[in-house]
Structures are given as structure tokens and as C-alpha cells.
Amino acid sequence: MSPLLRRKEKKRPGERVVTLIGKPGCHLCDEAQEVIESICAETGAQWEKKDISQDEELYRLHWEQIPVVLIDGEQHTFWRVNPDRLRRALGA
């Protein structure tokens, strides 16, 4: 079977990593962090925070969209984080 047609093995929530890309003083980033902390605590997923003002590449890629949320390195959403959508994306 072609590698393009193979299904990826689905990760359990505890194996997932949510990344919040934001900056200090951003109220949307603070709101996103609250949602991410809550859903990750509920599902067992790990999460990390990256400061766009400390990373030129992140700034170049995402400065108009912060906060940006990645799941396992792939963009999930930006600006507002929907708790139900994040929970589903994590497989919970």
C-alpha cells in the first residue's frame, strides 16, 4: 500500500504535545493558556509555551495570528481556542 494512503497510528492524549505560541501582555494568549491548561490537565496531554518575541522564526511565521496553538507541531488554531475542538483533536 502506498505510504500516502496508510493511516497514521492514532496517538493517545497523553502522548500529545500542545504548544502555545504567544507573547507577554497578550490578553488572548492568557485566555488561550487557561483553556489549554484545563484541557491538558483533563486529557493528560503535555503542553508548552513559546514566546514569539524571543524567536525570530516564530515571529516571522505567526506574528499576525497570535496566539497560535499547535498540536504535535501542526497548527490547530489561532486567536481563540475552542475547548471542545481542542479536546476532540487530542482524542478525548
C-alpha atoms as a PDB file:
ATOM      1  CA  MET A   1       0.000   0.000   0.000  1.00  0.00           C
ATOM      2  CA  SER A   2       1.220   3.483  -0.791  1.00  0.00           C
ATOM      3  CA  PRO A   3       2.600   5.409   2.234  1.00  0.00           C
ATOM      4  CA  LEU A   4       0.239   8.231   1.302  1.00  0.00           C
ATOM      5  CA  LEU A   5      -2.780   6.002   1.800  1.00  0.00           C
ATOM      6  CA  ARG A   6      -1.696   4.469   5.105  1.00  0.00           C
ATOM      7  CA  ARG A   7      -3.424   5.712   8.186  1.00  0.00           C
ATOM      8  CA  LYS A   8      -1.244   7.137  10.886  1.00  0.00           C
ATOM      9  CA  GLU A   9      -1.499   5.342  14.179  1.00  0.00           C
ATOM     10  CA  LYS A  10      -3.659   7.480  16.432  1.00  0.00           C
ATOM     11  CA  LYS A  11      -1.849   8.822  19.479  1.00  0.00           C
ATOM     12  CA  ARG A  12      -3.397   8.715  22.916  1.00  0.00           C
ATOM     13  CA  PRO A  13      -3.997  12.127  24.556  1.00  0.00           C
ATOM     14  CA  GLY A  14      -1.134  11.535  26.986  1.00  0.00           C
ATOM     15  CA  GLU A  15       1.272  11.210  24.052  1.00  0.00           C
ATOM     16  CA  ARG A  16       0.249  14.542  22.504  1.00  0.00           C
ATOM     17  CA  VAL A  17       2.005  17.893  22.935  1.00  0.00           C
ATOM     18  CA  VAL A  18       0.112  21.176  22.701  1.00  0.00           C
ATOM     19  CA  THR A  19       2.238  24.257  22.029  1.00  0.00           C
ATOM     20  CA  LEU A  20       1.012  27.768  22.731  1.00  0.00           C
ATOM     21  CA  ILE A  21       2.836  30.451  20.758  1.00  0.00           C
ATOM     22  CA  GLY A  22       2.210  33.881  22.224  1.00  0.00           C
ATOM     23  CA  LYS A  23       3.814  36.881  23.868  1.00  0.00           C
ATOM     24  CA  PRO A  24       3.728  38.596  27.249  1.00  0.00           C
ATOM     25  CA  GLY A  25       0.937  41.115  27.761  1.00  0.00           C
ATOM     26  CA  CYS A  26      -1.376  39.492  25.199  1.00  0.00           C
ATOM     27  CA  HIS A  27      -4.853  39.007  26.708  1.00  0.00           C
ATOM     28  CA  LEU A  28      -5.840  36.478  24.020  1.00  0.00           C
ATOM     29  CA  CYS A  29      -2.696  34.495  24.846  1.00  0.00           C
ATOM     30  CA  ASP A  30      -3.667  34.474  28.524  1.00  0.00           C
ATOM     31  CA  GLU A  31      -7.171  33.243  27.652  1.00  0.00           C
ATOM     32  CA  ALA A  32      -5.747  30.551  25.355  1.00  0.00           C
ATOM     33  CA  GLN A  33      -3.383  29.394  28.104  1.00  0.00           C
ATOM     34  CA  GLU A  34      -6.273  28.958  30.545  1.00  0.00           C
ATOM     35  CA  VAL A  35      -8.148  26.750  28.068  1.00  0.00           C
ATOM     36  CA  ILE A  36      -5.027  24.747  27.172  1.00  0.00           C
ATOM     37  CA  GLU A  37      -4.068  24.187  30.815  1.00  0.00           C
ATOM     38  CA  SER A  38      -7.571  22.987  31.639  1.00  0.00           C
ATOM     39  CA  ILE A  39      -7.961  20.633  28.670  1.00  0.00           C
ATOM     40  CA  CYS A  40      -4.434  19.231  29.015  1.00  0.00           C
ATOM     41  CA  ALA A  41      -4.999  18.568  32.724  1.00  0.00           C
ATOM     42  CA  GLU A  42      -8.237  16.798  31.826  1.00  0.00           C
ATOM     43  CA  THR A  43      -6.794  14.701  28.968  1.00  0.00           C
ATOM     44  CA  GLY A  44      -3.257  14.092  30.206  1.00  0.00           C
ATOM     45  CA  ALA A  45      -1.684  15.832  27.205  1.00  0.00           C
ATOM     46  CA  GLN A  46       1.516  17.772  27.719  1.00  0.00           C
ATOM     47  CA  TRP A  47       1.726  21.451  26.877  1.00  0.00           C
ATOM     48  CA  GLU A  48       4.427  24.055  26.401  1.00  0.00           C
ATOM     49  CA  LYS A  49       4.577  27.781  25.851  1.00  0.00           C
ATOM     50  CA  LYS A  50       6.808  29.620  23.388  1.00  0.00           C
ATOM     51  CA  ASP A  51       7.379  33.375  23.393  1.00  0.00           C
ATOM     52  CA  ILE A  52       7.170  34.813  19.892  1.00  0.00           C
ATOM     53  CA  SER A  53       9.207  37.844  20.943  1.00  0.00           C
ATOM     54  CA  GLN A  54      12.185  35.589  21.759  1.00  0.00           C
ATOM     55  CA  ASP A  55      12.250  33.624  18.482  1.00  0.00           C
ATOM     56  CA  GLU A  56      12.723  35.278  15.077  1.00  0.00           C
ATOM     57  CA  GLU A  57      11.405  32.308  13.127  1.00  0.00           C
ATOM     58  CA  LEU A  58       8.206  32.067  15.200  1.00  0.00           C
ATOM     59  CA  TYR A  59       7.758  35.816  14.852  1.00  0.00           C
ATOM     60  CA  ARG A  60       8.149  35.657  11.073  1.00  0.00           C
ATOM     61  CA  LEU A  61       5.688  32.773  10.761  1.00  0.00           C
ATOM     62  CA  HIS A  62       2.980  33.740  13.244  1.00  0.00           C
ATOM     63  CA  TRP A  63       3.152  37.414  14.291  1.00  0.00           C
ATOM     64  CA  GLU A  64      -0.280  38.252  12.832  1.00  0.00           C
ATOM     65  CA  GLN A  65      -2.036  35.245  14.332  1.00  0.00           C
ATOM     66  CA  ILE A  66      -1.023  35.014  17.979  1.00  0.00           C
ATOM     67  CA  PRO A  67      -1.920  33.192  19.995  1.00  0.00           C
ATOM     68  CA  VAL A  68      -1.250  30.177  17.797  1.00  0.00           C
ATOM     69  CA  VAL A  69      -1.866  26.656  19.054  1.00  0.00           C
ATOM     70  CA  LEU A  70      -0.015  23.658  17.654  1.00  0.00           C
ATOM     71  CA  ILE A  71      -0.700  20.010  18.346  1.00  0.00           C
ATOM     72  CA  ASP A  72       2.350  17.815  17.815  1.00  0.00           C
ATOM     73  CA  GLY A  73       3.931  20.610  15.793  1.00  0.00           C
ATOM     74  CA  GLU A  74       0.999  21.164  13.423  1.00  0.00           C
ATOM     75  CA  GLN A  75      -1.185  24.259  13.602  1.00  0.00           C
ATOM     76  CA  HIS A  76      -4.505  23.590  15.265  1.00  0.00           C
ATOM     77  CA  THR A  77      -5.925  27.102  15.643  1.00  0.00           C
ATOM     78  CA  PHE A  78      -5.141  30.750  16.278  1.00  0.00           C
ATOM     79  CA  TRP A  79      -6.648  33.712  18.151  1.00  0.00           C
ATOM     80  CA  ARG A  80      -9.329  31.845  20.108  1.00  0.00           C
ATOM     81  CA  VAL A  81      -9.174  28.287  21.454  1.00  0.00           C
ATOM     82  CA  ASN A  82     -12.395  26.303  21.436  1.00  0.00           C
ATOM     83  CA  PRO A  83     -12.211  23.835  24.361  1.00  0.00           C
ATOM     84  CA  ASP A  84     -14.429  21.207  22.711  1.00  0.00           C
ATOM     85  CA  ARG A  85     -12.487  21.333  19.449  1.00  0.00           C
ATOM     86  CA  LEU A  86      -9.159  21.035  21.296  1.00  0.00           C
ATOM     87  CA  ARG A  87     -10.473  18.106  23.362  1.00  0.00           C
ATOM     88  CA  ARG A  88     -11.605  16.304  20.184  1.00  0.00           C
ATOM     89  CA  ALA A  89      -8.298  16.999  18.430  1.00  0.00           C
ATOM     90  CA  LEU A  90      -6.479  15.406  21.365  1.00  0.00           C
ATOM     91  CA  GLY A  91      -8.635  12.306  21.022  1.00  0.00           C
ATOM     92  CA  ALA A  92     -10.520  12.699  24.270  1.00  0.00           C
END
